[in-house]
Amino acid sequence: MSLHEEPAPDYDAITDAEHVKAAESTVSPKVIAGAAAGLVLAIVVAVLAAVTPDMLAGLGAWAPLAFVAITTAATQLAGYIKRDPLREV
């Protein structure tokens, strides 16, 4: 190690209590990703339903449930895919 290099941080010195406190004081990126994906997809599905009302007409009375299912599935997938380093085990 030369004189100009800084030593690597000592991650072992961080206690579990500090880690938990940091995790509790921030909003999880998983929540933000899920909310953003849900909002965007809800708008997209609403616009598609307005432009092409026959899009899910074949489902009959189940069409509103299909719209909700599409948005919910995308929200859950976005939250599942997003990484959250503060809450990793």
PDB file of N, CA and C in Angstrom:
ATOM      1  N   MET A   1       0.850  -1.170   0.000  1.00  0.00           N
ATOM      2  CA  MET A   1       0.000   0.000   0.000  1.00  0.00           C
ATOM      3  C   MET A   1       0.895   1.232   0.000  1.00  0.00           C
ATOM      4  N   SER A   2       0.622   2.135  -0.949  1.00  0.00           N
ATOM      5  CA  SER A   2       1.420   3.351  -1.019  1.00  0.00           C
ATOM      6  C   SER A   2       0.882   4.382  -0.034  1.00  0.00           C
ATOM      7  N   LEU A   3       1.560   5.485   0.079  1.00  0.00           N
ATOM      8  CA  LEU A   3       1.162   6.517   1.018  1.00  0.00           C
ATOM      9  C   LEU A   3      -0.117   7.243   0.579  1.00  0.00           C
ATOM     10  N   HIS A   4      -0.441   7.195  -0.691  1.00  0.00           N
ATOM     11  CA  HIS A   4      -1.592   7.937  -1.204  1.00  0.00           C
ATOM     12  C   HIS A   4      -2.884   7.123  -1.204  1.00  0.00           C
ATOM     13  N   GLU A   5      -2.797   5.853  -0.945  1.00  0.00           N
ATOM     14  CA  GLU A   5      -3.994   5.025  -0.932  1.00  0.00           C
ATOM     15  C   GLU A   5      -4.643   5.077   0.450  1.00  0.00           C
ATOM     16  N   GLU A   6      -5.961   5.138   0.443  1.00  0.00           N
ATOM     17  CA  GLU A   6      -6.673   5.106   1.708  1.00  0.00           C
ATOM     18  C   GLU A   6      -6.966   3.656   2.064  1.00  0.00           C
ATOM     19  N   PRO A   7      -6.940   3.352   3.348  1.00  0.00           N
ATOM     20  CA  PRO A   7      -7.226   1.970   3.739  1.00  0.00           C
ATOM     21  C   PRO A   7      -8.691   1.624   3.445  1.00  0.00           C
ATOM     22  N   ALA A   8      -8.921   0.365   3.203  1.00  0.00           N
ATOM     23  CA  ALA A   8     -10.279  -0.102   2.952  1.00  0.00           C
ATOM     24  C   ALA A   8     -11.103   0.038   4.224  1.00  0.00           C
ATOM     25  N   PRO A   9     -12.386   0.357   4.081  1.00  0.00           N
ATOM     26  CA  PRO A   9     -13.216   0.483   5.290  1.00  0.00           C
ATOM     27  C   PRO A   9     -13.350  -0.850   6.000  1.00  0.00           C
ATOM     28  N   ASP A  10     -13.436  -0.775   7.309  1.00  0.00           N
ATOM     29  CA  ASP A  10     -13.564  -1.986   8.123  1.00  0.00           C
ATOM     30  C   ASP A  10     -15.046  -2.278   8.328  1.00  0.00           C
ATOM     31  N   TYR A  11     -15.600  -3.120   7.452  1.00  0.00           N
ATOM     32  CA  TYR A  11     -17.027  -3.418   7.530  1.00  0.00           C
ATOM     33  C   TYR A  11     -17.362  -4.290   8.737  1.00  0.00           C
ATOM     34  N   ASP A  12     -16.392  -4.970   9.283  1.00  0.00           N
ATOM     35  CA  ASP A  12     -16.644  -5.782  10.468  1.00  0.00           C
ATOM     36  C   ASP A  12     -16.890  -4.924  11.702  1.00  0.00           C
ATOM     37  N   ALA A  13     -16.455  -3.668  11.660  1.00  0.00           N
ATOM     38  CA  ALA A  13     -16.627  -2.779  12.803  1.00  0.00           C
ATOM     39  C   ALA A  13     -18.070  -2.258  12.893  1.00  0.00           C
ATOM     40  N   ILE A  14     -18.845  -2.402  11.817  1.00  0.00           N
ATOM     41  CA  ILE A  14     -20.237  -1.954  11.842  1.00  0.00           C
ATOM     42  C   ILE A  14     -21.049  -2.996  12.593  1.00  0.00           C
ATOM     43  N   THR A  15     -21.721  -2.557  13.625  1.00  0.00           N
ATOM     44  CA  THR A  15     -22.496  -3.503  14.429  1.00  0.00           C
ATOM     45  C   THR A  15     -23.845  -3.773  13.788  1.00  0.00           C
ATOM     46  N   ASP A  16     -24.479  -4.833  14.229  1.00  0.00           N
ATOM     47  CA  ASP A  16     -25.802  -5.161  13.717  1.00  0.00           C
ATOM     48  C   ASP A  16     -26.798  -4.072  14.074  1.00  0.00           C
ATOM     49  N   ALA A  17     -26.632  -3.458  15.234  1.00  0.00           N
ATOM     50  CA  ALA A  17     -27.550  -2.395  15.656  1.00  0.00           C
ATOM     51  C   ALA A  17     -27.467  -1.197  14.714  1.00  0.00           C
ATOM     52  N   GLU A  18     -26.256  -0.849  14.280  1.00  0.00           N
ATOM     53  CA  GLU A  18     -26.089   0.259  13.341  1.00  0.00           C
ATOM     54  C   GLU A  18     -26.716  -0.090  11.997  1.00  0.00           C
ATOM     55  N   HIS A  19     -26.546  -1.333  11.585  1.00  0.00           N
ATOM     56  CA  HIS A  19     -27.099  -1.793  10.317  1.00  0.00           C
ATOM     57  C   HIS A  19     -28.625  -1.752  10.356  1.00  0.00           C
ATOM     58  N   VAL A  20     -29.211  -2.197  11.443  1.00  0.00           N
ATOM     59  CA  VAL A  20     -30.670  -2.190  11.590  1.00  0.00           C
ATOM     60  C   VAL A  20     -31.188  -0.756  11.642  1.00  0.00           C
ATOM     61  N   LYS A  21     -30.495   0.119  12.357  1.00  0.00           N
ATOM     62  CA  LYS A  21     -30.928   1.513  12.453  1.00  0.00           C
ATOM     63  C   LYS A  21     -30.899   2.178  11.087  1.00  0.00           C
ATOM     64  N   ALA A  22     -29.869   1.913  10.296  1.00  0.00           N
ATOM     65  CA  ALA A  22     -29.782   2.484   8.954  1.00  0.00           C
ATOM     66  C   ALA A  22     -30.891   1.937   8.070  1.00  0.00           C
ATOM     67  N   ALA A  23     -31.198   0.667   8.212  1.00  0.00           N
ATOM     68  CA  ALA A  23     -32.241   0.050   7.396  1.00  0.00           C
ATOM     69  C   ALA A  23     -33.623   0.577   7.773  1.00  0.00           C
ATOM     70  N   GLU A  24     -33.851   0.854   9.030  1.00  0.00           N
ATOM     71  CA  GLU A  24     -35.161   1.325   9.476  1.00  0.00           C
ATOM     72  C   GLU A  24     -35.403   2.783   9.121  1.00  0.00           C
ATOM     73  N   SER A  25     -34.341   3.566   8.957  1.00  0.00           N
ATOM     74  CA  SER A  25     -34.520   4.995   8.729  1.00  0.00           C
ATOM     75  C   SER A  25     -34.638   5.367   7.257  1.00  0.00           C
ATOM     76  N   THR A  26     -34.550   4.402   6.353  1.00  0.00           N
ATOM     77  CA  THR A  26     -34.651   4.701   4.935  1.00  0.00           C
ATOM     78  C   THR A  26     -35.801   3.924   4.308  1.00  0.00           C
ATOM     79  N   VAL A  27     -36.314   4.470   3.228  1.00  0.00           N
ATOM     80  CA  VAL A  27     -37.345   3.766   2.472  1.00  0.00           C
ATOM     81  C   VAL A  27     -36.635   2.784   1.552  1.00  0.00           C
ATOM     82  N   SER A  28     -37.083   1.565   1.566  1.00  0.00           N
ATOM     83  CA  SER A  28     -36.449   0.529   0.764  1.00  0.00           C
ATOM     84  C   SER A  28     -36.564   0.836  -0.721  1.00  0.00           C
ATOM     85  N   PRO A  29     -35.485   0.629  -1.483  1.00  0.00           N
ATOM     86  CA  PRO A  29     -35.567   0.791  -2.938  1.00  0.00           C
ATOM     87  C   PRO A  29     -36.596  -0.154  -3.555  1.00  0.00           C
ATOM     88  N   LYS A  30     -36.865  -1.273  -2.884  1.00  0.00           N
ATOM     89  CA  LYS A  30     -37.878  -2.204  -3.369  1.00  0.00           C
ATOM     90  C   LYS A  30     -39.265  -1.551  -3.348  1.00  0.00           C
ATOM     91  N   VAL A  31     -39.549  -0.781  -2.311  1.00  0.00           N
ATOM     92  CA  VAL A  31     -40.834  -0.101  -2.203  1.00  0.00           C
ATOM     93  C   VAL A  31     -40.945   0.981  -3.274  1.00  0.00           C
ATOM     94  N   ILE A  32     -39.879   1.726  -3.454  1.00  0.00           N
ATOM     95  CA  ILE A  32     -39.888   2.797  -4.452  1.00  0.00           C
ATOM     96  C   ILE A  32     -40.046   2.215  -5.855  1.00  0.00           C
ATOM     97  N   ALA A  33     -39.325   1.145  -6.164  1.00  0.00           N
ATOM     98  CA  ALA A  33     -39.423   0.517  -7.488  1.00  0.00           C
ATOM     99  C   ALA A  33     -40.817  -0.035  -7.730  1.00  0.00           C
ATOM    100  N   GLY A  34     -41.391  -0.667  -6.725  1.00  0.00           N
ATOM    101  CA  GLY A  34     -42.739  -1.208  -6.864  1.00  0.00           C
ATOM    102  C   GLY A  34     -43.775  -0.118  -7.061  1.00  0.00           C
ATOM    103  N   ALA A  35     -43.671   0.950  -6.297  1.00  0.00           N
ATOM    104  CA  ALA A  35     -44.628   2.057  -6.417  1.00  0.00           C
ATOM    105  C   ALA A  35     -44.508   2.743  -7.772  1.00  0.00           C
ATOM    106  N   ALA A  36     -43.280   2.956  -8.216  1.00  0.00           N
ATOM    107  CA  ALA A  36     -43.077   3.607  -9.518  1.00  0.00           C
ATOM    108  C   ALA A  36     -43.606   2.730 -10.655  1.00  0.00           C
ATOM    109  N   ALA A  37     -43.295   1.451 -10.609  1.00  0.00           N
ATOM    110  CA  ALA A  37     -43.767   0.540 -11.657  1.00  0.00           C
ATOM    111  C   ALA A  37     -45.290   0.440 -11.641  1.00  0.00           C
ATOM    112  N   GLY A  38     -45.876   0.381 -10.474  1.00  0.00           N
ATOM    113  CA  GLY A  38     -47.329   0.316 -10.370  1.00  0.00           C
ATOM    114  C   GLY A  38     -47.998   1.564 -10.921  1.00  0.00           C
ATOM    115  N   LEU A  39     -47.447   2.722 -10.601  1.00  0.00           N
ATOM    116  CA  LEU A  39     -48.009   3.976 -11.089  1.00  0.00           C
ATOM    117  C   LEU A  39     -47.907   4.072 -12.607  1.00  0.00           C
ATOM    118  N   VAL A  40     -46.726   3.772 -13.127  1.00  0.00           N
ATOM    119  CA  VAL A  40     -46.526   3.856 -14.577  1.00  0.00           C
ATOM    120  C   VAL A  40     -47.412   2.861 -15.302  1.00  0.00           C
ATOM    121  N   LEU A  41     -47.459   1.637 -14.831  1.00  0.00           N
ATOM    122  CA  LEU A  41     -48.262   0.634 -15.522  1.00  0.00           C
ATOM    123  C   LEU A  41     -49.753   0.914 -15.388  1.00  0.00           C
ATOM    124  N   ALA A  42     -50.196   1.455 -14.273  1.00  0.00           N
ATOM    125  CA  ALA A  42     -51.605   1.820 -14.125  1.00  0.00           C
ATOM    126  C   ALA A  42     -51.990   2.874 -15.157  1.00  0.00           C
ATOM    127  N   ILE A  43     -51.104   3.843 -15.374  1.00  0.00           N
ATOM    128  CA  ILE A  43     -51.365   4.873 -16.380  1.00  0.00           C
ATOM    129  C   ILE A  43     -51.376   4.265 -17.777  1.00  0.00           C
ATOM    130  N   VAL A  44     -50.398   3.401 -18.069  1.00  0.00           N
ATOM    131  CA  VAL A  44     -50.333   2.766 -19.381  1.00  0.00           C
ATOM    132  C   VAL A  44     -51.574   1.924 -19.652  1.00  0.00           C
ATOM    133  N   VAL A  45     -51.985   1.118 -18.685  1.00  0.00           N
ATOM    134  CA  VAL A  45     -53.166   0.267 -18.867  1.00  0.00           C
ATOM    135  C   VAL A  45     -54.419   1.125 -19.003  1.00  0.00           C
ATOM    136  N   ALA A  46     -54.522   2.214 -18.249  1.00  0.00           N
ATOM    137  CA  ALA A  46     -55.692   3.095 -18.361  1.00  0.00           C
ATOM    138  C   ALA A  46     -55.753   3.749 -19.736  1.00  0.00           C
ATOM    139  N   VAL A  47     -54.605   4.193 -20.246  1.00  0.00           N
ATOM    140  CA  VAL A  47     -54.570   4.798 -21.584  1.00  0.00           C
ATOM    141  C   VAL A  47     -54.927   3.757 -22.642  1.00  0.00           C
ATOM    142  N   LEU A  48     -54.370   2.563 -22.533  1.00  0.00           N
ATOM    143  CA  LEU A  48     -54.710   1.511 -23.497  1.00  0.00           C
ATOM    144  C   LEU A  48     -56.184   1.150 -23.444  1.00  0.00           C
ATOM    145  N   ALA A  49     -56.747   1.135 -22.253  1.00  0.00           N
ATOM    146  CA  ALA A  49     -58.176   0.826 -22.123  1.00  0.00           C
ATOM    147  C   ALA A  49     -59.026   1.928 -22.743  1.00  0.00           C
ATOM    148  N   ALA A  50     -58.571   3.178 -22.633  1.00  0.00           N
ATOM    149  CA  ALA A  50     -59.325   4.282 -23.222  1.00  0.00           C
ATOM    150  C   ALA A  50     -59.203   4.289 -24.751  1.00  0.00           C
ATOM    151  N   VAL A  51     -58.010   3.968 -25.249  1.00  0.00           N
ATOM    152  CA  VAL A  51     -57.777   3.990 -26.696  1.00  0.00           C
ATOM    153  C   VAL A  51     -58.375   2.757 -27.369  1.00  0.00           C
ATOM    154  N   THR A  52     -58.183   1.601 -26.758  1.00  0.00           N
ATOM    155  CA  THR A  52     -58.694   0.352 -27.333  1.00  0.00           C
ATOM    156  C   THR A  52     -59.585  -0.333 -26.306  1.00  0.00           C
ATOM    157  N   PRO A  53     -60.849   0.099 -26.205  1.00  0.00           N
ATOM    158  CA  PRO A  53     -61.722  -0.461 -25.172  1.00  0.00           C
ATOM    159  C   PRO A  53     -62.011  -1.955 -25.363  1.00  0.00           C
ATOM    160  N   ASP A  54     -61.779  -2.462 -26.567  1.00  0.00           N
ATOM    161  CA  ASP A  54     -62.039  -3.881 -26.814  1.00  0.00           C
ATOM    162  C   ASP A  54     -60.843  -4.763 -26.440  1.00  0.00           C
ATOM    163  N   MET A  55     -59.808  -4.149 -25.875  1.00  0.00           N
ATOM    164  CA  MET A  55     -58.572  -4.881 -25.580  1.00  0.00           C
ATOM    165  C   MET A  55     -58.838  -6.131 -24.732  1.00  0.00           C
ATOM    166  N   LEU A  56     -59.594  -6.003 -23.689  1.00  0.00           N
ATOM    167  CA  LEU A  56     -59.901  -7.141 -22.828  1.00  0.00           C
ATOM    168  C   LEU A  56     -61.397  -7.446 -22.799  1.00  0.00           C
ATOM    169  N   ALA A  57     -62.097  -7.047 -23.833  1.00  0.00           N
ATOM    170  CA  ALA A  57     -63.551  -7.246 -23.878  1.00  0.00           C
ATOM    171  C   ALA A  57     -63.913  -8.724 -23.853  1.00  0.00           C
ATOM    172  N   GLY A  58     -63.043  -9.571 -24.338  1.00  0.00           N
ATOM    173  CA  GLY A  58     -63.314 -11.005 -24.343  1.00  0.00           C
ATOM    174  C   GLY A  58     -63.422 -11.593 -22.946  1.00  0.00           C
ATOM    175  N   LEU A  59     -62.927 -10.874 -21.964  1.00  0.00           N
ATOM    176  CA  LEU A  59     -63.003 -11.365 -20.586  1.00  0.00           C
ATOM    177  C   LEU A  59     -64.335 -11.025 -19.925  1.00  0.00           C
ATOM    178  N   GLY A  60     -65.121 -10.197 -20.563  1.00  0.00           N
ATOM    179  CA  GLY A  60     -66.439  -9.842 -20.035  1.00  0.00           C
ATOM    180  C   GLY A  60     -66.345  -9.129 -18.699  1.00  0.00           C
ATOM    181  N   ALA A  61     -67.046  -9.667 -17.718  1.00  0.00           N
ATOM    182  CA  ALA A  61     -67.079  -9.048 -16.389  1.00  0.00           C
ATOM    183  C   ALA A  61     -65.732  -9.127 -15.677  1.00  0.00           C
ATOM    184  N   TRP A  62     -64.823  -9.972 -16.150  1.00  0.00           N
ATOM    185  CA  TRP A  62     -63.516 -10.144 -15.517  1.00  0.00           C
ATOM    186  C   TRP A  62     -62.481  -9.137 -16.025  1.00  0.00           C
ATOM    187  N   ALA A  63     -62.832  -8.284 -16.969  1.00  0.00           N
ATOM    188  CA  ALA A  63     -61.881  -7.316 -17.535  1.00  0.00           C
ATOM    189  C   ALA A  63     -61.296  -6.377 -16.473  1.00  0.00           C
ATOM    190  N   PRO A  64     -62.105  -5.784 -15.578  1.00  0.00           N
ATOM    191  CA  PRO A  64     -61.496  -4.918 -14.557  1.00  0.00           C
ATOM    192  C   PRO A  64     -60.505  -5.667 -13.668  1.00  0.00           C
ATOM    193  N   LEU A  65     -60.825  -6.913 -13.362  1.00  0.00           N
ATOM    194  CA  LEU A  65     -59.901  -7.707 -12.560  1.00  0.00           C
ATOM    195  C   LEU A  65     -58.592  -7.959 -13.317  1.00  0.00           C
ATOM    196  N   ALA A  66     -58.687  -8.143 -14.620  1.00  0.00           N
ATOM    197  CA  ALA A  66     -57.482  -8.342 -15.431  1.00  0.00           C
ATOM    198  C   ALA A  66     -56.616  -7.087 -15.429  1.00  0.00           C
ATOM    199  N   PHE A  67     -57.229  -5.904 -15.512  1.00  0.00           N
ATOM    200  CA  PHE A  67     -56.466  -4.656 -15.455  1.00  0.00           C
ATOM    201  C   PHE A  67     -55.713  -4.546 -14.127  1.00  0.00           C
ATOM    202  N   VAL A  68     -56.384  -4.858 -13.047  1.00  0.00           N
ATOM    203  CA  VAL A  68     -55.760  -4.806 -11.722  1.00  0.00           C
ATOM    204  C   VAL A  68     -54.660  -5.863 -11.607  1.00  0.00           C
ATOM    205  N   ALA A  69     -54.906  -7.045 -12.143  1.00  0.00           N
ATOM    206  CA  ALA A  69     -53.912  -8.118 -12.062  1.00  0.00           C
ATOM    207  C   ALA A  69     -52.644  -7.765 -12.819  1.00  0.00           C
ATOM    208  N   ILE A  70     -52.783  -7.136 -13.964  1.00  0.00           N
ATOM    209  CA  ILE A  70     -51.605  -6.726 -14.751  1.00  0.00           C
ATOM    210  C   ILE A  70     -50.770  -5.733 -13.953  1.00  0.00           C
ATOM    211  N   THR A  71     -51.417  -4.736 -13.379  1.00  0.00           N
ATOM    212  CA  THR A  71     -50.700  -3.721 -12.601  1.00  0.00           C
ATOM    213  C   THR A  71     -50.069  -4.325 -11.357  1.00  0.00           C
ATOM    214  N   THR A  72     -50.806  -5.178 -10.670  1.00  0.00           N
ATOM    215  CA  THR A  72     -50.282  -5.797  -9.448  1.00  0.00           C
ATOM    216  C   THR A  72     -49.096  -6.702  -9.751  1.00  0.00           C
ATOM    217  N   ALA A  73     -49.188  -7.470 -10.807  1.00  0.00           N
ATOM    218  CA  ALA A  73     -48.082  -8.373 -11.169  1.00  0.00           C
ATOM    219  C   ALA A  73     -46.818  -7.580 -11.489  1.00  0.00           C
ATOM    220  N   ALA A  74     -46.952  -6.492 -12.214  1.00  0.00           N
ATOM    221  CA  ALA A  74     -45.777  -5.676 -12.545  1.00  0.00           C
ATOM    222  C   ALA A  74     -45.193  -5.014 -11.306  1.00  0.00           C
ATOM    223  N   THR A  75     -46.044  -4.571 -10.403  1.00  0.00           N
ATOM    224  CA  THR A  75     -45.575  -3.949  -9.160  1.00  0.00           C
ATOM    225  C   THR A  75     -44.780  -4.955  -8.324  1.00  0.00           C
ATOM    226  N   GLN A  76     -45.321  -6.142  -8.182  1.00  0.00           N
ATOM    227  CA  GLN A  76     -44.638  -7.174  -7.395  1.00  0.00           C
ATOM    228  C   GLN A  76     -43.333  -7.597  -8.050  1.00  0.00           C
ATOM    229  N   LEU A  77     -43.330  -7.727  -9.366  1.00  0.00           N
ATOM    230  CA  LEU A  77     -42.113  -8.118 -10.082  1.00  0.00           C
ATOM    231  C   LEU A  77     -41.029  -7.057  -9.942  1.00  0.00           C
ATOM    232  N   ALA A  78     -41.408  -5.794 -10.051  1.00  0.00           N
ATOM    233  CA  ALA A  78     -40.424  -4.714  -9.913  1.00  0.00           C
ATOM    234  C   ALA A  78     -39.823  -4.700  -8.514  1.00  0.00           C
ATOM    235  N   GLY A  79     -40.642  -4.911  -7.499  1.00  0.00           N
ATOM    236  CA  GLY A  79     -40.128  -4.965  -6.131  1.00  0.00           C
ATOM    237  C   GLY A  79     -39.244  -6.165  -5.881  1.00  0.00           C
ATOM    238  N   TYR A  80     -39.579  -7.284  -6.501  1.00  0.00           N
ATOM    239  CA  TYR A  80     -38.795  -8.508  -6.331  1.00  0.00           C
ATOM    240  C   TYR A  80     -37.429  -8.385  -7.012  1.00  0.00           C
ATOM    241  N   ILE A  81     -37.399  -7.771  -8.177  1.00  0.00           N
ATOM    242  CA  ILE A  81     -36.153  -7.672  -8.945  1.00  0.00           C
ATOM    243  C   ILE A  81     -35.181  -6.668  -8.327  1.00  0.00           C
ATOM    244  N   LYS A  82     -35.698  -5.585  -7.762  1.00  0.00           N
ATOM    245  CA  LYS A  82     -34.843  -4.521  -7.227  1.00  0.00           C
ATOM    246  C   LYS A  82     -34.027  -5.024  -6.043  1.00  0.00           C
ATOM    247  N   ARG A  83     -32.764  -4.621  -5.985  1.00  0.00           N
ATOM    248  CA  ARG A  83     -31.853  -5.020  -4.919  1.00  0.00           C
ATOM    249  C   ARG A  83     -31.905  -4.003  -3.782  1.00  0.00           C
ATOM    250  N   ASP A  84     -31.847  -4.470  -2.550  1.00  0.00           N
ATOM    251  CA  ASP A  84     -31.856  -3.601  -1.369  1.00  0.00           C
ATOM    252  C   ASP A  84     -30.678  -3.982  -0.474  1.00  0.00           C
ATOM    253  N   PRO A  85     -29.543  -3.293  -0.613  1.00  0.00           N
ATOM    254  CA  PRO A  85     -28.341  -3.689   0.129  1.00  0.00           C
ATOM    255  C   PRO A  85     -28.468  -3.558   1.641  1.00  0.00           C
ATOM    256  N   LEU A  86     -29.308  -2.671   2.138  1.00  0.00           N
ATOM    257  CA  LEU A  86     -29.443  -2.518   3.592  1.00  0.00           C
ATOM    258  C   LEU A  86     -30.206  -3.651   4.247  1.00  0.00           C
ATOM    259  N   ARG A  87     -30.993  -4.364   3.470  1.00  0.00           N
ATOM    260  CA  ARG A  87     -31.828  -5.409   4.048  1.00  0.00           C
ATOM    261  C   ARG A  87     -31.446  -6.802   3.579  1.00  0.00           C
ATOM    262  N   GLU A  88     -30.259  -6.940   3.029  1.00  0.00           N
ATOM    263  CA  GLU A  88     -29.787  -8.258   2.625  1.00  0.00           C
ATOM    264  C   GLU A  88     -29.348  -9.054   3.837  1.00  0.00           C
ATOM    265  N   VAL A  89     -29.578 -10.318   3.796  1.00  0.00           N
ATOM    266  CA  VAL A  89     -29.213 -11.177   4.920  1.00  0.00           C
ATOM    267  C   VAL A  89     -27.926 -11.900   4.593  1.00  0.00           C
TER     268      VAL A  89
END
